[in-house]
N, C-alpha and C. Protein backbone atom coordinates (compact mmCIF):
# COMPACT_ATOMS: atom_id res chain seq x y z
N MET A 1 9.58 4.45 1.01
CA MET A 1 8.70 4.57 -0.10
C MET A 1 8.56 3.22 -0.79
N ILE A 2 7.35 2.89 -1.12
CA ILE A 2 7.09 1.63 -1.80
C ILE A 2 6.44 1.92 -3.15
N THR A 3 6.52 0.96 -4.03
CA THR A 3 5.84 1.05 -5.32
C THR A 3 4.81 -0.07 -5.38
N VAL A 4 3.57 0.29 -5.68
CA VAL A 4 2.50 -0.69 -5.85
C VAL A 4 2.10 -0.65 -7.32
N GLU A 5 2.17 -1.83 -7.95
CA GLU A 5 1.83 -1.94 -9.37
C GLU A 5 0.76 -3.01 -9.56
N LYS A 6 0.01 -2.85 -10.65
CA LYS A 6 -0.98 -3.87 -11.03
C LYS A 6 -0.72 -4.25 -12.48
N ASP A 7 -1.05 -5.49 -12.80
CA ASP A 7 -0.90 -5.89 -14.20
C ASP A 7 -2.07 -5.35 -15.00
N SER A 8 -1.99 -5.44 -16.31
CA SER A 8 -2.99 -4.84 -17.20
C SER A 8 -4.39 -5.42 -17.00
N LYS A 9 -4.48 -6.65 -16.52
CA LYS A 9 -5.78 -7.27 -16.28
C LYS A 9 -6.25 -7.12 -14.84
N ALA A 10 -5.43 -6.48 -14.01
CA ALA A 10 -5.72 -6.29 -12.58
C ALA A 10 -5.90 -7.63 -11.86
N GLU A 11 -5.15 -8.62 -12.29
CA GLU A 11 -5.17 -9.93 -11.64
C GLU A 11 -4.02 -10.09 -10.67
N GLU A 12 -3.03 -9.21 -10.76
CA GLU A 12 -1.86 -9.32 -9.90
C GLU A 12 -1.45 -7.94 -9.39
N ILE A 13 -1.13 -7.88 -8.12
CA ILE A 13 -0.58 -6.68 -7.50
C ILE A 13 0.85 -7.02 -7.09
N VAL A 14 1.77 -6.09 -7.39
CA VAL A 14 3.18 -6.29 -7.04
C VAL A 14 3.61 -5.10 -6.18
N ILE A 15 4.27 -5.39 -5.06
CA ILE A 15 4.81 -4.34 -4.19
C ILE A 15 6.32 -4.43 -4.23
N HIS A 16 6.95 -3.31 -4.56
CA HIS A 16 8.41 -3.21 -4.57
C HIS A 16 8.83 -2.35 -3.38
N ALA A 17 9.77 -2.84 -2.59
CA ALA A 17 10.25 -2.08 -1.45
C ALA A 17 11.53 -2.71 -0.91
N THR A 18 12.29 -1.91 -0.18
CA THR A 18 13.46 -2.43 0.51
C THR A 18 12.97 -3.17 1.76
N PRO A 19 13.82 -3.97 2.39
CA PRO A 19 13.39 -4.63 3.63
C PRO A 19 12.93 -3.64 4.70
N ILE A 20 13.61 -2.51 4.82
CA ILE A 20 13.22 -1.51 5.82
C ILE A 20 11.85 -0.93 5.48
N GLU A 21 11.63 -0.64 4.21
CA GLU A 21 10.33 -0.11 3.79
C GLU A 21 9.21 -1.11 4.01
N LEU A 22 9.49 -2.39 3.79
CA LEU A 22 8.48 -3.42 4.05
C LEU A 22 8.14 -3.50 5.52
N ARG A 23 9.14 -3.39 6.37
CA ARG A 23 8.87 -3.42 7.82
C ARG A 23 8.02 -2.22 8.23
N GLU A 24 8.31 -1.05 7.69
CA GLU A 24 7.51 0.14 8.00
C GLU A 24 6.07 -0.04 7.51
N PHE A 25 5.91 -0.60 6.33
CA PHE A 25 4.58 -0.87 5.80
C PHE A 25 3.84 -1.86 6.71
N ALA A 26 4.54 -2.89 7.15
CA ALA A 26 3.94 -3.87 8.06
C ALA A 26 3.50 -3.21 9.37
N LYS A 27 4.29 -2.28 9.88
CA LYS A 27 3.91 -1.55 11.10
C LYS A 27 2.61 -0.78 10.87
N GLN A 28 2.50 -0.16 9.69
CA GLN A 28 1.28 0.59 9.38
C GLN A 28 0.07 -0.34 9.28
N LEU A 29 0.25 -1.51 8.67
CA LEU A 29 -0.84 -2.48 8.58
C LEU A 29 -1.25 -2.94 9.97
N TRP A 30 -0.27 -3.17 10.85
CA TRP A 30 -0.57 -3.58 12.22
C TRP A 30 -1.36 -2.49 12.94
N ALA A 31 -0.96 -1.23 12.74
CA ALA A 31 -1.66 -0.11 13.37
C ALA A 31 -3.11 -0.02 12.88
N ILE A 32 -3.32 -0.26 11.59
CA ILE A 32 -4.69 -0.25 11.05
C ILE A 32 -5.52 -1.35 11.71
N SER A 33 -4.94 -2.52 11.88
CA SER A 33 -5.69 -3.62 12.51
C SER A 33 -6.03 -3.30 13.96
N GLU A 34 -5.11 -2.67 14.68
CA GLU A 34 -5.38 -2.30 16.07
C GLU A 34 -6.49 -1.25 16.16
N LYS A 35 -6.47 -0.26 15.29
CA LYS A 35 -7.51 0.77 15.28
C LYS A 35 -8.87 0.14 14.95
N ALA A 36 -8.89 -0.81 14.04
CA ALA A 36 -10.14 -1.48 13.69
C ALA A 36 -10.68 -2.27 14.88
N GLU A 37 -9.79 -2.90 15.63
CA GLU A 37 -10.24 -3.64 16.82
C GLU A 37 -10.84 -2.70 17.86
N LEU A 38 -10.26 -1.52 18.02
CA LEU A 38 -10.77 -0.55 19.00
C LEU A 38 -12.07 0.12 18.55
N LYS A 39 -12.13 0.49 17.29
CA LYS A 39 -13.26 1.28 16.78
C LYS A 39 -14.32 0.44 16.06
N GLY A 40 -13.99 -0.82 15.74
CA GLY A 40 -14.92 -1.64 14.98
C GLY A 40 -14.60 -1.66 13.50
N LYS A 41 -13.97 -0.57 13.02
CA LYS A 41 -13.51 -0.52 11.63
C LYS A 41 -12.51 0.62 11.49
N HIS A 42 -11.68 0.53 10.48
CA HIS A 42 -10.71 1.59 10.20
C HIS A 42 -10.25 1.48 8.76
N LYS A 43 -10.03 2.63 8.14
CA LYS A 43 -9.57 2.69 6.76
C LYS A 43 -8.45 3.72 6.67
N GLN A 44 -7.42 3.39 5.90
CA GLN A 44 -6.32 4.33 5.70
C GLN A 44 -5.88 4.28 4.25
N GLN A 45 -5.55 5.46 3.72
CA GLN A 45 -5.09 5.54 2.34
C GLN A 45 -3.61 5.91 2.30
N PHE A 46 -2.90 5.29 1.37
CA PHE A 46 -1.51 5.61 1.11
C PHE A 46 -1.45 6.22 -0.29
N THR A 47 -0.73 7.32 -0.43
CA THR A 47 -0.66 8.05 -1.69
C THR A 47 0.78 8.48 -1.97
N PRO A 48 1.03 9.03 -3.17
CA PRO A 48 2.37 9.51 -3.49
C PRO A 48 2.72 10.83 -2.79
N LYS A 49 1.80 11.43 -2.07
CA LYS A 49 2.07 12.71 -1.42
C LYS A 49 3.13 12.55 -0.34
N SER A 50 4.07 13.47 -0.31
CA SER A 50 5.07 13.43 0.76
C SER A 50 4.39 13.73 2.08
N GLY A 51 4.93 13.17 3.13
CA GLY A 51 4.32 13.32 4.43
C GLY A 51 3.45 12.12 4.81
N SER A 52 3.10 11.32 3.83
CA SER A 52 2.37 10.09 4.09
C SER A 52 3.31 9.15 4.86
N GLU A 53 2.79 8.42 5.83
CA GLU A 53 3.66 7.56 6.64
C GLU A 53 4.35 6.51 5.79
N VAL A 54 3.68 6.00 4.81
CA VAL A 54 4.29 5.12 3.81
C VAL A 54 3.97 5.77 2.47
N GLU A 55 4.98 6.36 1.87
CA GLU A 55 4.77 7.10 0.62
C GLU A 55 4.89 6.16 -0.57
N LEU A 56 3.96 6.29 -1.51
CA LEU A 56 3.99 5.49 -2.73
C LEU A 56 4.81 6.19 -3.79
N LEU A 57 5.65 5.45 -4.47
CA LEU A 57 6.39 5.99 -5.61
C LEU A 57 5.53 5.90 -6.86
N THR A 58 5.83 6.72 -7.84
CA THR A 58 5.02 6.76 -9.05
C THR A 58 5.78 6.31 -10.29
N LYS A 59 6.91 5.66 -10.11
CA LYS A 59 7.68 5.15 -11.24
C LYS A 59 7.59 3.62 -11.25
N VAL A 60 7.20 3.07 -12.40
CA VAL A 60 7.08 1.62 -12.54
C VAL A 60 8.44 0.96 -12.31
N GLN A 61 8.48 -0.04 -11.44
CA GLN A 61 9.71 -0.78 -11.16
C GLN A 61 9.80 -2.05 -12.00
N GLY A 62 8.64 -2.60 -12.36
CA GLY A 62 8.58 -3.81 -13.18
C GLY A 62 8.57 -3.44 -14.66
N ASP A 63 8.15 -4.37 -15.48
CA ASP A 63 8.08 -4.17 -16.93
C ASP A 63 6.92 -3.21 -17.24
N PRO A 64 7.21 -2.01 -17.76
CA PRO A 64 6.13 -1.04 -18.02
C PRO A 64 5.14 -1.49 -19.09
N ARG A 65 5.49 -2.52 -19.85
CA ARG A 65 4.53 -3.05 -20.82
C ARG A 65 3.50 -3.94 -20.15
N LYS A 66 3.82 -4.44 -18.95
CA LYS A 66 2.91 -5.34 -18.24
C LYS A 66 2.24 -4.70 -17.03
N TYR A 67 2.90 -3.70 -16.43
CA TYR A 67 2.43 -3.15 -15.16
C TYR A 67 2.19 -1.65 -15.23
N SER A 68 1.28 -1.19 -14.41
CA SER A 68 1.05 0.24 -14.24
C SER A 68 1.00 0.55 -12.75
N ILE A 69 1.19 1.79 -12.43
CA ILE A 69 1.27 2.25 -11.04
C ILE A 69 -0.12 2.33 -10.41
N VAL A 70 -0.20 1.93 -9.15
CA VAL A 70 -1.39 2.17 -8.33
C VAL A 70 -1.09 3.46 -7.58
N LYS A 71 -1.88 4.49 -7.83
CA LYS A 71 -1.59 5.81 -7.26
C LYS A 71 -2.22 6.03 -5.89
N LYS A 72 -3.17 5.19 -5.53
CA LYS A 72 -3.78 5.29 -4.21
C LYS A 72 -4.07 3.88 -3.73
N LEU A 73 -3.56 3.55 -2.56
CA LEU A 73 -3.78 2.24 -1.95
C LEU A 73 -4.62 2.45 -0.69
N THR A 74 -5.78 1.84 -0.65
CA THR A 74 -6.66 1.95 0.51
C THR A 74 -6.69 0.60 1.22
N ILE A 75 -6.40 0.64 2.51
CA ILE A 75 -6.46 -0.54 3.36
C ILE A 75 -7.64 -0.35 4.30
N SER A 76 -8.54 -1.32 4.31
CA SER A 76 -9.74 -1.24 5.13
C SER A 76 -9.85 -2.50 5.99
N SER A 77 -10.21 -2.30 7.25
CA SER A 77 -10.38 -3.42 8.15
C SER A 77 -11.61 -3.18 9.03
N LYS A 78 -12.35 -4.25 9.27
CA LYS A 78 -13.49 -4.14 10.19
C LYS A 78 -13.68 -5.47 10.90
N LEU A 79 -14.30 -5.39 12.05
CA LEU A 79 -14.58 -6.60 12.82
C LEU A 79 -15.68 -7.39 12.16
N GLY A 80 -15.52 -8.73 12.23
CA GLY A 80 -16.49 -9.69 11.74
C GLY A 80 -17.40 -9.21 10.74
């Protein structure tokens, strides 16, 4: 499970995760890129719902006065 946060101005995104969770997230990003190469484009959403391959946590890990939770992360890839 990873936590994705944004600052109040939406100028910075912060991802909190253990090394194992980061590797799993990287595997998912790699899979998205491969699907995009095969199909021409691919989009995947990560949410706090259990069962998601990379589950998002909903508790702020950083300073709650500066950051808020991103509840849905969409990764999109397409060829050229």
